[in-house]
Amino acid sequence: MTEAMSPAELEQALRAIGAERYHNLHPFHRLMREGRCTKAQIQAWALNRYHYQATIPVKDATILSRMDSPALRREWRRRIVDHDGEGNNEGGVQRWLNLAEGLGLDRDLVASCRAILPITRYCVGAYVQFCATRSLVEAIASSLTELFSPAIISERVSGMLASYDFVSRATLAYFTARPEQAKRDSDFALAYVKRHAITPEAQRAVLDALSFKCDLLWAMSDALTHAYVEGHIPPGAWLPEAT
């Protein structure tokens, strides 16, 4: 990249990354939405995904700590409230625990994160580290997978409700608010990235940041496939027969 893209061209390039690399294209997601997962495989997904969901507000607090603008902090901290809750709103982290419990998992086991896959732990830690050490615009750009999440949520919810008798709308209540929240958050983050990534170097950096985030999500799905579809469960990870 030798010349800077226009804001519209940058947005197009960001969206192209999602079209090619987002984990809605992963075989594990296809198994889920097509009703070809076992209950144990769905449980493994919920248990491992909890660690990611529970760390999102930590990641957002890390980004928040790097912001000098009160207005920017006010906007960003809404993400933390969405996940941690406030007042009578239990927040997304608690709703994910409800999801896991609704699938038959022990709530305390899920919350402890002691039985997750090593790759899940590594990927989530790497994401927080990325947001702590890269430029602010790169950290914000890494959140732009939310541009693509409403589509995967729609596929996941409709497919699971149609295919699994152990899944109900109450079980999947976590997803009710997420499409609207994701659109609000991604609209803001995209506008920020387009406004601040104006040099070829900065634009390459934000494209790489989004690719990095997509790669993390893909790797987490790879790990679930390797462990719970192909049967190579590493020591210390959750064992279906133990439930």
Protein backbone atom coordinates (compact mmCIF):
# COMPACT_ATOMS: atom_id res chain seq x y z
CA MET A 1 0.00 0.00 0.00
CA THR A 2 1.70 3.19 -1.22
CA GLU A 3 -1.25 5.59 -1.24
CA ALA A 4 -3.90 6.14 1.38
CA MET A 5 -7.39 4.85 0.66
CA SER A 6 -10.43 7.05 0.95
CA PRO A 7 -12.63 6.39 4.01
CA ALA A 8 -15.09 4.52 1.79
CA GLU A 9 -12.33 2.37 0.32
CA LEU A 10 -11.00 1.60 3.79
CA GLU A 11 -14.44 0.50 4.94
CA GLN A 12 -14.75 -1.71 1.87
CA ALA A 13 -11.38 -3.31 2.63
CA LEU A 14 -12.37 -3.93 6.26
CA ARG A 15 -15.64 -5.52 5.24
CA ALA A 16 -13.81 -7.69 2.71
CA ILE A 17 -11.73 -9.16 5.55
CA GLY A 18 -14.89 -10.24 7.31
CA ALA A 19 -16.34 -11.71 4.16
CA GLU A 20 -13.24 -13.87 3.77
CA ARG A 21 -12.09 -14.60 7.32
CA TYR A 22 -14.94 -14.30 9.83
CA HIS A 23 -15.74 -17.51 11.67
CA ASN A 24 -19.28 -17.79 10.31
CA LEU A 25 -17.41 -19.59 7.51
CA HIS A 26 -15.79 -22.08 9.89
CA PRO A 27 -16.91 -25.73 9.62
CA PHE A 28 -17.76 -25.81 13.35
CA HIS A 29 -20.24 -22.98 12.91
CA ARG A 30 -21.79 -24.79 9.96
CA LEU A 31 -22.18 -27.91 12.08
CA MET A 32 -23.91 -25.86 14.78
CA ARG A 33 -26.33 -24.04 12.56
CA GLU A 34 -27.19 -27.13 10.51
CA GLY A 35 -28.04 -29.19 13.59
CA ARG A 36 -25.15 -31.62 13.18
CA CYS A 37 -23.49 -31.05 16.57
CA THR A 38 -24.03 -33.29 19.55
CA LYS A 39 -25.20 -31.79 22.81
CA ALA A 40 -21.70 -32.28 24.21
CA GLN A 41 -20.21 -30.28 21.34
CA ILE A 42 -22.66 -27.43 21.97
CA GLN A 43 -21.80 -27.56 25.67
CA ALA A 44 -18.08 -27.42 24.88
CA TRP A 45 -18.66 -24.37 22.70
CA ALA A 46 -20.63 -22.61 25.44
CA LEU A 47 -18.08 -23.44 28.15
CA ASN A 48 -15.10 -22.22 26.11
CA ARG A 49 -16.88 -19.20 24.68
CA TYR A 50 -17.70 -18.04 28.20
CA HIS A 51 -14.03 -17.26 28.84
CA TYR A 52 -14.03 -15.00 25.76
CA GLN A 53 -17.31 -13.31 26.74
CA ALA A 54 -16.22 -12.78 30.34
CA THR A 55 -12.96 -11.17 29.21
CA ILE A 56 -14.55 -8.73 26.76
CA PRO A 57 -15.18 -6.12 29.49
CA VAL A 58 -11.57 -6.57 30.65
CA LYS A 59 -10.45 -5.91 27.09
CA ASP A 60 -12.72 -2.88 26.87
CA ALA A 61 -11.48 -1.54 30.20
CA THR A 62 -7.94 -1.89 28.85
CA ILE A 63 -8.85 0.17 25.80
CA LEU A 64 -10.76 2.66 27.97
CA SER A 65 -7.68 3.25 30.13
CA ARG A 66 -5.79 4.41 27.06
CA MET A 67 -8.32 7.07 26.02
CA ASP A 68 -7.59 10.71 26.83
CA SER A 69 -10.97 12.08 25.75
CA PRO A 70 -13.84 12.02 28.29
CA ALA A 71 -16.34 11.88 25.42
CA LEU A 72 -14.59 8.88 23.93
CA ARG A 73 -14.46 7.17 27.33
CA ARG A 74 -18.18 7.79 27.88
CA GLU A 75 -18.96 6.13 24.57
CA TRP A 76 -16.64 3.17 25.12
CA ARG A 77 -17.69 2.39 28.69
CA ARG A 78 -21.19 1.49 27.47
CA ARG A 79 -19.62 -1.71 26.18
CA ILE A 80 -18.49 -2.60 29.69
CA VAL A 81 -21.96 -1.98 31.09
CA ASP A 82 -23.47 -4.15 28.35
CA HIS A 83 -21.33 -7.08 29.46
CA ASP A 84 -20.95 -6.52 33.21
CA GLY A 85 -24.44 -5.18 33.82
CA GLU A 86 -25.65 -2.28 35.91
CA GLY A 87 -28.57 -1.92 38.29
CA ASN A 88 -31.27 -4.41 37.35
CA ASN A 89 -29.51 -5.28 34.08
CA GLU A 90 -27.56 -8.47 34.69
CA GLY A 91 -25.38 -7.96 31.59
CA GLY A 92 -24.08 -10.26 28.90
CA VAL A 93 -21.61 -12.16 31.07
CA GLN A 94 -24.35 -13.33 33.42
CA ARG A 95 -26.64 -14.10 30.49
CA TRP A 96 -23.91 -16.31 29.01
CA LEU A 97 -23.68 -18.18 32.31
CA ASN A 98 -27.46 -18.65 32.09
CA LEU A 99 -26.98 -20.02 28.57
CA ALA A 100 -24.36 -22.50 29.74
CA GLU A 101 -26.48 -23.58 32.68
CA GLY A 102 -29.48 -23.98 30.38
CA LEU A 103 -27.41 -26.41 28.33
CA GLY A 104 -26.82 -28.54 31.42
CA LEU A 105 -23.39 -27.30 32.47
CA ASP A 106 -22.40 -26.59 36.04
CA ARG A 107 -22.47 -22.82 36.50
CA ASP A 108 -19.50 -22.72 38.86
CA LEU A 109 -17.39 -24.87 36.56
CA VAL A 110 -18.08 -22.57 33.62
CA ALA A 111 -17.39 -19.42 35.66
CA SER A 112 -14.09 -20.82 36.92
CA CYS A 113 -12.73 -21.23 33.37
CA ARG A 114 -10.53 -24.03 34.69
CA ALA A 115 -11.75 -26.57 32.11
CA ILE A 116 -11.35 -24.51 28.92
CA LEU A 117 -9.09 -25.50 26.06
CA PRO A 118 -5.50 -24.21 26.11
CA ILE A 119 -6.01 -22.43 22.78
CA THR A 120 -9.07 -20.63 24.16
CA ARG A 121 -7.02 -19.33 27.07
CA TYR A 122 -4.13 -18.35 24.79
CA CYS A 123 -6.34 -16.55 22.25
CA VAL A 124 -8.24 -14.56 24.83
CA GLY A 125 -5.04 -13.52 26.58
CA ALA A 126 -3.48 -12.54 23.26
CA TYR A 127 -6.48 -10.35 22.46
CA VAL A 128 -6.19 -8.41 25.72
CA GLN A 129 -2.43 -8.07 25.22
CA PHE A 130 -2.97 -6.77 21.68
CA CYS A 131 -5.35 -4.09 22.94
CA ALA A 132 -2.92 -3.12 25.69
CA THR A 133 0.16 -2.74 23.52
CA ARG A 134 -0.88 -1.69 20.01
CA SER A 135 -2.00 1.79 19.02
CA LEU A 136 -5.44 2.92 20.12
CA VAL A 137 -6.77 2.90 16.57
CA GLU A 138 -5.54 -0.68 16.11
CA ALA A 139 -7.18 -1.74 19.37
CA ILE A 140 -10.46 -0.17 18.29
CA ALA A 141 -10.17 -1.70 14.81
CA SER A 142 -9.79 -5.15 16.33
CA SER A 143 -13.34 -4.81 17.70
CA LEU A 144 -14.76 -4.47 14.19
CA THR A 145 -15.64 -8.16 14.03
CA GLU A 146 -18.88 -6.76 15.47
CA LEU A 147 -19.67 -5.59 11.95
CA PHE A 148 -20.27 -9.22 11.09
CA SER A 149 -21.74 -10.59 14.32
CA PRO A 150 -25.45 -9.85 13.69
CA ALA A 151 -25.40 -12.24 10.72
CA ILE A 152 -23.74 -15.07 12.63
CA ILE A 153 -26.11 -14.56 15.57
CA SER A 154 -29.13 -14.80 13.29
CA GLU A 155 -27.82 -18.01 11.71
CA ARG A 156 -26.85 -19.50 15.05
CA VAL A 157 -30.11 -18.78 16.84
CA SER A 158 -32.42 -19.87 14.04
CA GLY A 159 -30.40 -23.00 13.35
CA MET A 160 -30.14 -24.05 16.98
CA LEU A 161 -33.81 -23.48 17.74
CA ALA A 162 -34.79 -25.49 14.68
CA SER A 163 -32.39 -28.37 15.30
CA TYR A 164 -31.84 -29.02 19.00
CA ASP A 165 -34.60 -30.02 21.40
CA PHE A 166 -32.37 -29.11 24.36
CA VAL A 167 -32.20 -25.45 23.27
CA SER A 168 -34.96 -22.92 23.92
CA ARG A 169 -35.38 -19.19 23.32
CA ALA A 170 -34.82 -18.67 27.06
CA THR A 171 -31.51 -20.52 26.80
CA LEU A 172 -30.40 -18.21 23.99
CA ALA A 173 -31.59 -15.00 25.65
CA TYR A 174 -28.01 -13.68 25.60
CA PHE A 175 -28.37 -13.06 21.88
CA THR A 176 -31.55 -10.96 22.11
CA ALA A 177 -29.81 -7.66 22.75
CA ARG A 178 -26.53 -8.33 20.97
CA PRO A 179 -27.39 -7.44 17.34
CA GLU A 180 -28.52 -3.93 18.31
CA GLN A 181 -25.56 -3.45 20.65
CA ALA A 182 -23.11 -4.75 18.05
CA LYS A 183 -24.46 -2.41 15.39
CA ARG A 184 -24.23 0.58 17.72
CA ASP A 185 -20.69 -0.30 18.76
CA SER A 186 -19.41 -1.20 15.30
CA ASP A 187 -20.90 1.97 13.77
CA PHE A 188 -18.96 4.04 16.32
CA ALA A 189 -15.72 2.06 15.98
CA LEU A 190 -15.87 2.11 12.20
CA ALA A 191 -16.35 5.88 12.14
CA TYR A 192 -13.40 6.28 14.54
CA VAL A 193 -11.13 4.09 12.43
CA LYS A 194 -12.09 5.85 9.19
CA ARG A 195 -11.44 9.23 10.81
CA HIS A 196 -8.07 8.37 12.36
CA ALA A 197 -6.49 5.83 9.99
CA ILE A 198 -5.61 8.24 7.20
CA THR A 199 -2.07 7.25 6.22
CA PRO A 200 -1.14 4.10 4.29
CA GLU A 201 0.74 2.81 7.34
CA ALA A 202 -2.19 3.37 9.70
CA GLN A 203 -4.63 1.83 7.27
CA ARG A 204 -2.49 -1.27 6.86
CA ALA A 205 -2.27 -1.49 10.65
CA VAL A 206 -6.04 -1.42 11.15
CA LEU A 207 -6.59 -3.98 8.39
CA ASP A 208 -4.04 -6.23 10.07
CA ALA A 209 -5.74 -5.67 13.44
CA LEU A 210 -9.07 -6.90 12.10
CA SER A 211 -7.38 -9.86 10.42
CA PHE A 212 -5.69 -10.69 13.73
CA LYS A 213 -9.05 -10.71 15.53
CA CYS A 214 -10.65 -12.88 12.86
CA ASP A 215 -7.73 -15.29 13.13
CA LEU A 216 -8.23 -15.56 16.90
CA LEU A 217 -11.89 -16.43 16.52
CA TRP A 218 -11.07 -18.93 13.79
CA ALA A 219 -8.39 -20.56 15.95
CA MET A 220 -10.84 -20.96 18.82
CA SER A 221 -13.22 -22.79 16.47
CA ASP A 222 -10.32 -24.90 15.20
CA ALA A 223 -9.58 -25.94 18.78
CA LEU A 224 -13.20 -26.91 19.43
CA THR A 225 -13.21 -29.00 16.27
CA HIS A 226 -9.94 -30.72 17.11
CA ALA A 227 -10.99 -31.51 20.67
CA TYR A 228 -14.71 -32.23 20.52
CA VAL A 229 -15.42 -33.22 16.91
CA GLU A 230 -12.21 -35.12 16.14
CA GLY A 231 -11.84 -36.35 19.72
CA HIS A 232 -8.43 -34.98 20.71
CA ILE A 233 -9.29 -33.48 24.10
CA PRO A 234 -6.16 -32.16 25.87
CA PRO A 235 -5.41 -32.90 29.52
CA GLY A 236 -7.34 -30.72 31.92
CA ALA A 237 -10.04 -29.73 29.44
CA TRP A 238 -13.72 -30.43 30.01
CA LEU A 239 -14.75 -34.05 29.41
CA PRO A 240 -18.31 -34.62 28.19
CA GLU A 241 -18.66 -37.87 30.06
CA ALA A 242 -18.03 -36.05 33.31
CA THR A 243 -21.38 -34.22 33.14
